[in-house]
Every structure is written in C-alpha cells, then in structure tokens.
PDB file of N, CA and C in Angstrom:
ATOM      1  N   MET A   1       0.848  -1.185   0.000  1.00  0.00           N
ATOM      2  CA  MET A   1       0.000   0.000   0.000  1.00  0.00           C
ATOM      3  C   MET A   1       0.888   1.241   0.000  1.00  0.00           C
ATOM      4  N   GLU A   2       0.580   2.180  -0.847  1.00  0.00           N
ATOM      5  CA  GLU A   2       1.363   3.404  -0.962  1.00  0.00           C
ATOM      6  C   GLU A   2       1.048   4.356   0.183  1.00  0.00           C
ATOM      7  N   GLU A   3       2.113   4.965   0.737  1.00  0.00           N
ATOM      8  CA  GLU A   3       1.928   5.947   1.801  1.00  0.00           C
ATOM      9  C   GLU A   3       1.425   7.243   1.186  1.00  0.00           C
ATOM     10  N   LYS A   4       0.542   7.921   1.890  1.00  0.00           N
ATOM     11  CA  LYS A   4       0.045   9.220   1.439  1.00  0.00           C
ATOM     12  C   LYS A   4       0.606  10.291   2.366  1.00  0.00           C
ATOM     13  N   HIS A   5       1.121  11.351   1.788  1.00  0.00           N
ATOM     14  CA  HIS A   5       1.674  12.459   2.559  1.00  0.00           C
ATOM     15  C   HIS A   5       0.934  13.718   2.166  1.00  0.00           C
ATOM     16  N   SER A   6       0.250  14.318   3.110  1.00  0.00           N
ATOM     17  CA  SER A   6      -0.538  15.507   2.823  1.00  0.00           C
ATOM     18  C   SER A   6       0.172  16.788   3.254  1.00  0.00           C
ATOM     19  N   HIS A   7       1.464  16.677   3.547  1.00  0.00           N
ATOM     20  CA  HIS A   7       2.220  17.840   3.972  1.00  0.00           C
ATOM     21  C   HIS A   7       2.396  18.815   2.811  1.00  0.00           C
ATOM     22  N   LYS A   8       2.581  20.067   3.133  1.00  0.00           N
ATOM     23  CA  LYS A   8       2.892  21.062   2.122  1.00  0.00           C
ATOM     24  C   LYS A   8       4.346  20.889   1.718  1.00  0.00           C
ATOM     25  N   HIS A   9       4.700  21.407   0.547  1.00  0.00           N
ATOM     26  CA  HIS A   9       6.082  21.267   0.103  1.00  0.00           C
ATOM     27  C   HIS A   9       7.015  22.134   0.945  1.00  0.00           C
ATOM     28  N   ILE A  10       8.268  21.708   0.958  1.00  0.00           N
ATOM     29  CA  ILE A  10       9.298  22.428   1.712  1.00  0.00           C
ATOM     30  C   ILE A  10       9.763  23.610   0.858  1.00  0.00           C
ATOM     31  N   LYS A  11       9.588  24.806   1.359  1.00  0.00           N
ATOM     32  CA  LYS A  11       9.960  26.009   0.623  1.00  0.00           C
ATOM     33  C   LYS A  11      11.463  26.000   0.339  1.00  0.00           C
ATOM     34  N   GLY A  12      11.806  26.226  -0.916  1.00  0.00           N
ATOM     35  CA  GLY A  12      13.211  26.292  -1.311  1.00  0.00           C
ATOM     36  C   GLY A  12      13.834  24.953  -1.673  1.00  0.00           C
ATOM     37  N   ILE A  13      13.096  23.851  -1.532  1.00  0.00           N
ATOM     38  CA  ILE A  13      13.620  22.529  -1.884  1.00  0.00           C
ATOM     39  C   ILE A  13      12.899  22.031  -3.129  1.00  0.00           C
ATOM     40  N   GLY A  14      13.634  21.868  -4.205  1.00  0.00           N
ATOM     41  CA  GLY A  14      13.083  21.316  -5.430  1.00  0.00           C
ATOM     42  C   GLY A  14      13.448  19.847  -5.529  1.00  0.00           C
ATOM     43  N   CYS A  15      12.616  19.062  -6.169  1.00  0.00           N
ATOM     44  CA  CYS A  15      12.879  17.631  -6.313  1.00  0.00           C
ATOM     45  C   CYS A  15      12.369  17.140  -7.656  1.00  0.00           C
ATOM     46  N   ASP A  16      13.210  16.392  -8.371  1.00  0.00           N
ATOM     47  CA  ASP A  16      12.837  15.808  -9.658  1.00  0.00           C
ATOM     48  C   ASP A  16      12.607  14.306  -9.564  1.00  0.00           C
ATOM     49  N   VAL A  17      12.695  13.723  -8.381  1.00  0.00           N
ATOM     50  CA  VAL A  17      12.610  12.274  -8.200  1.00  0.00           C
ATOM     51  C   VAL A  17      11.149  11.856  -8.072  1.00  0.00           C
ATOM     52  N   LYS A  18      10.537  11.579  -9.198  1.00  0.00           N
ATOM     53  CA  LYS A  18       9.096  11.315  -9.238  1.00  0.00           C
ATOM     54  C   LYS A  18       8.702   9.976  -8.631  1.00  0.00           C
ATOM     55  N   ASN A  19       9.652   9.075  -8.406  1.00  0.00           N
ATOM     56  CA  ASN A  19       9.313   7.790  -7.798  1.00  0.00           C
ATOM     57  C   ASN A  19       9.549   7.774  -6.293  1.00  0.00           C
ATOM     58  N   CYS A  20       9.612   8.947  -5.674  1.00  0.00           N
ATOM     59  CA  CYS A  20       9.744   9.077  -4.217  1.00  0.00           C
ATOM     60  C   CYS A  20       8.370   9.381  -3.616  1.00  0.00           C
ATOM     61  N   VAL A  21       8.057   8.775  -2.477  1.00  0.00           N
ATOM     62  CA  VAL A  21       6.754   9.008  -1.843  1.00  0.00           C
ATOM     63  C   VAL A  21       6.571  10.461  -1.423  1.00  0.00           C
ATOM     64  N   TYR A  22       7.643  11.204  -1.266  1.00  0.00           N
ATOM     65  CA  TYR A  22       7.548  12.596  -0.837  1.00  0.00           C
ATOM     66  C   TYR A  22       7.455  13.582  -1.999  1.00  0.00           C
ATOM     67  N   HIS A  23       7.561  13.109  -3.236  1.00  0.00           N
ATOM     68  CA  HIS A  23       7.444  13.978  -4.404  1.00  0.00           C
ATOM     69  C   HIS A  23       5.976  14.361  -4.581  1.00  0.00           C
ATOM     70  N   ASP A  24       5.711  15.635  -4.780  1.00  0.00           N
ATOM     71  CA  ASP A  24       4.317  16.112  -4.818  1.00  0.00           C
ATOM     72  C   ASP A  24       3.661  15.998  -6.186  1.00  0.00           C
ATOM     73  N   GLY A  25       4.322  15.427  -7.165  1.00  0.00           N
ATOM     74  CA  GLY A  25       3.755  15.320  -8.505  1.00  0.00           C
ATOM     75  C   GLY A  25       4.151  16.477  -9.394  1.00  0.00           C
ATOM     76  N   ASP A  26       4.741  17.499  -8.829  1.00  0.00           N
ATOM     77  CA  ASP A  26       5.205  18.653  -9.596  1.00  0.00           C
ATOM     78  C   ASP A  26       6.727  18.679  -9.507  1.00  0.00           C
ATOM     79  N   CYS A  27       7.282  19.473  -8.631  1.00  0.00           N
ATOM     80  CA  CYS A  27       8.741  19.496  -8.462  1.00  0.00           C
ATOM     81  C   CYS A  27       9.126  19.837  -7.022  1.00  0.00           C
ATOM     82  N   TYR A  28       8.303  19.420  -6.080  1.00  0.00           N
ATOM     83  CA  TYR A  28       8.559  19.757  -4.689  1.00  0.00           C
ATOM     84  C   TYR A  28       8.614  18.529  -3.794  1.00  0.00           C
ATOM     85  N   CYS A  29       9.252  18.687  -2.647  1.00  0.00           N
ATOM     86  CA  CYS A  29       9.353  17.642  -1.633  1.00  0.00           C
ATOM     87  C   CYS A  29       8.366  17.949  -0.510  1.00  0.00           C
ATOM     88  N   THR A  30       7.646  16.909  -0.045  1.00  0.00           N
ATOM     89  CA  THR A  30       6.665  17.100   1.022  1.00  0.00           C
ATOM     90  C   THR A  30       7.063  16.401   2.317  1.00  0.00           C
ATOM     91  N   ALA A  31       8.316  15.965   2.426  1.00  0.00           N
ATOM     92  CA  ALA A  31       8.785  15.325   3.659  1.00  0.00           C
ATOM     93  C   ALA A  31       8.798  16.340   4.799  1.00  0.00           C
ATOM     94  N   ASP A  32       8.698  15.847   6.028  1.00  0.00           N
ATOM     95  CA  ASP A  32       8.781  16.739   7.196  1.00  0.00           C
ATOM     96  C   ASP A  32      10.150  17.377   7.302  1.00  0.00           C
ATOM     97  N   LYS A  33      11.178  16.632   6.908  1.00  0.00           N
ATOM     98  CA  LYS A  33      12.545  17.136   6.899  1.00  0.00           C
ATOM     99  C   LYS A  33      13.312  16.364   5.845  1.00  0.00           C
ATOM    100  N   VAL A  34      14.424  16.916   5.390  1.00  0.00           N
ATOM    101  CA  VAL A  34      15.250  16.287   4.374  1.00  0.00           C
ATOM    102  C   VAL A  34      16.635  16.067   4.961  1.00  0.00           C
ATOM    103  N   LEU A  35      17.142  14.858   4.792  1.00  0.00           N
ATOM    104  CA  LEU A  35      18.486  14.520   5.241  1.00  0.00           C
ATOM    105  C   LEU A  35      19.350  14.269   4.010  1.00  0.00           C
ATOM    106  N   ILE A  36      20.464  14.996   3.907  1.00  0.00           N
ATOM    107  CA  ILE A  36      21.382  14.854   2.787  1.00  0.00           C
ATOM    108  C   ILE A  36      22.706  14.332   3.323  1.00  0.00           C
ATOM    109  N   GLY A  37      23.309  13.434   2.608  1.00  0.00           N
ATOM    110  CA  GLY A  37      24.578  12.866   3.045  1.00  0.00           C
ATOM    111  C   GLY A  37      25.302  12.291   1.851  1.00  0.00           C
ATOM    112  N   PRO A  38      26.353  11.577   2.057  1.00  0.00           N
ATOM    113  CA  PRO A  38      27.000  11.241   3.322  1.00  0.00           C
ATOM    114  C   PRO A  38      27.910  12.362   3.815  1.00  0.00           C
ATOM    115  N   SER A  39      28.347  12.255   5.041  1.00  0.00           N
ATOM    116  CA  SER A  39      29.146  13.317   5.663  1.00  0.00           C
ATOM    117  C   SER A  39      30.509  13.488   5.007  1.00  0.00           C
ATOM    118  N   TYR A  40      31.000  12.486   4.300  1.00  0.00           N
ATOM    119  CA  TYR A  40      32.322  12.580   3.673  1.00  0.00           C
ATOM    120  C   TYR A  40      32.262  13.089   2.233  1.00  0.00           C
ATOM    121  N   ALA A  41      31.119  13.555   1.776  1.00  0.00           N
ATOM    122  CA  ALA A  41      30.978  14.051   0.404  1.00  0.00           C
ATOM    123  C   ALA A  41      31.931  15.211   0.145  1.00  0.00           C
ATOM    124  N   CYS A  42      32.527  15.202  -1.047  1.00  0.00           N
ATOM    125  CA  CYS A  42      33.457  16.270  -1.434  1.00  0.00           C
ATOM    126  C   CYS A  42      32.906  17.152  -2.548  1.00  0.00           C
ATOM    127  N   CYS A  43      31.859  16.667  -3.235  1.00  0.00           N
ATOM    128  CA  CYS A  43      31.261  17.452  -4.314  1.00  0.00           C
ATOM    129  C   CYS A  43      29.801  17.045  -4.472  1.00  0.00           C
ATOM    130  N   CYS A  44      29.082  17.773  -5.269  1.00  0.00           N
ATOM    131  CA  CYS A  44      27.653  17.544  -5.491  1.00  0.00           C
ATOM    132  C   CYS A  44      27.355  16.104  -5.908  1.00  0.00           C
ATOM    133  N   ASN A  45      28.178  15.541  -6.769  1.00  0.00           N
ATOM    134  CA  ASN A  45      27.943  14.172  -7.256  1.00  0.00           C
ATOM    135  C   ASN A  45      28.091  13.116  -6.176  1.00  0.00           C
ATOM    136  N   ASP A  46      28.706  13.462  -5.044  1.00  0.00           N
ATOM    137  CA  ASP A  46      28.891  12.520  -3.939  1.00  0.00           C
ATOM    138  C   ASP A  46      27.689  12.476  -2.999  1.00  0.00           C
ATOM    139  N   THR A  47      26.739  13.386  -3.155  1.00  0.00           N
ATOM    140  CA  THR A  47      25.636  13.493  -2.199  1.00  0.00           C
ATOM    141  C   THR A  47      24.407  12.701  -2.640  1.00  0.00           C
ATOM    142  N   VAL A  48      23.595  12.318  -1.645  1.00  0.00           N
ATOM    143  CA  VAL A  48      22.335  11.619  -1.882  1.00  0.00           C
ATOM    144  C   VAL A  48      21.298  12.120  -0.882  1.00  0.00           C
ATOM    145  N   CYS A  49      20.045  11.983  -1.235  1.00  0.00           N
ATOM    146  CA  CYS A  49      18.961  12.322  -0.322  1.00  0.00           C
ATOM    147  C   CYS A  49      18.648  11.082   0.514  1.00  0.00           C
ATOM    148  N   ALA A  50      18.975  11.125   1.777  1.00  0.00           N
ATOM    149  CA  ALA A  50      18.738   9.986   2.664  1.00  0.00           C
ATOM    150  C   ALA A  50      17.274   9.885   3.072  1.00  0.00           C
ATOM    151  N   THR A  51      16.459  10.866   2.724  1.00  0.00           N
ATOM    152  CA  THR A  51      15.035  10.864   3.040  1.00  0.00           C
ATOM    153  C   THR A  51      14.239  10.072   1.998  1.00  0.00           C
ATOM    154  N   PHE A  52      14.820   9.820   0.846  1.00  0.00           N
ATOM    155  CA  PHE A  52      14.142   9.129  -0.262  1.00  0.00           C
ATOM    156  C   PHE A  52      13.506   7.812   0.176  1.00  0.00           C
ATOM    157  N   LYS A  53      12.231   7.645  -0.200  1.00  0.00           N
ATOM    158  CA  LYS A  53      11.508   6.387  -0.013  1.00  0.00           C
ATOM    159  C   LYS A  53      10.793   6.096  -1.329  1.00  0.00           C
ATOM    160  N   GLN A  54      11.057   4.952  -1.918  1.00  0.00           N
ATOM    161  CA  GLN A  54      10.479   4.627  -3.211  1.00  0.00           C
ATOM    162  C   GLN A  54       8.984   4.375  -3.118  1.00  0.00           C
ATOM    163  N   LYS A  55       8.233   4.947  -4.070  1.00  0.00           N
ATOM    164  CA  LYS A  55       6.798   4.706  -4.179  1.00  0.00           C
ATOM    165  C   LYS A  55       6.581   3.268  -4.609  1.00  0.00           C
ATOM    166  N   SER A  56       5.497   2.681  -4.151  1.00  0.00           N
ATOM    167  CA  SER A  56       5.127   1.366  -4.675  1.00  0.00           C
ATOM    168  C   SER A  56       4.069   1.598  -5.740  1.00  0.00           C
ATOM    169  N   PHE A  57       4.269   0.986  -6.874  1.00  0.00           N
ATOM    170  CA  PHE A  57       3.364   1.171  -8.005  1.00  0.00           C
ATOM    171  C   PHE A  57       2.509  -0.059  -8.221  1.00  0.00           C
ATOM    172  N   THR A  58       1.965  -0.604  -7.143  1.00  0.00           N
ATOM    173  CA  THR A  58       1.131  -1.815  -7.262  1.00  0.00           C
ATOM    174  C   THR A  58      -0.330  -1.485  -7.190  1.00  0.00           C
TER     175      THR A  58
END
C-alpha cells in the first residue's frame, strides 16, 4: 500500500525524483525534513537524499 503524505512542500527545496513518496507530482518535496549525506561528500555528485523512499506502483 502506498503511503500518502498531505504535507505542504518544503519552501526552497526542489525535487525531480518522481518515484519518491515525498514527491508532490510537480517538483517539490513534502517530507517533514530532508536529510542529505554522506558526511564525507566532497562534491555535489557525492551526495544523496537519505530521506528518499520509493513509491510502490502496485
């Protein structure tokens, strides 16, 4: 069963990951908070969104 999130989008945070449960269907994130890592990242390509949760398409 897919989780539903009725939160408003996080101001200033854009997201293109349409298969995340927190993606609002446009270009915003609706998570309560966003965690970015890992702590040893040296450049943009080294980072990931640790808040990502994949949508189930069943």
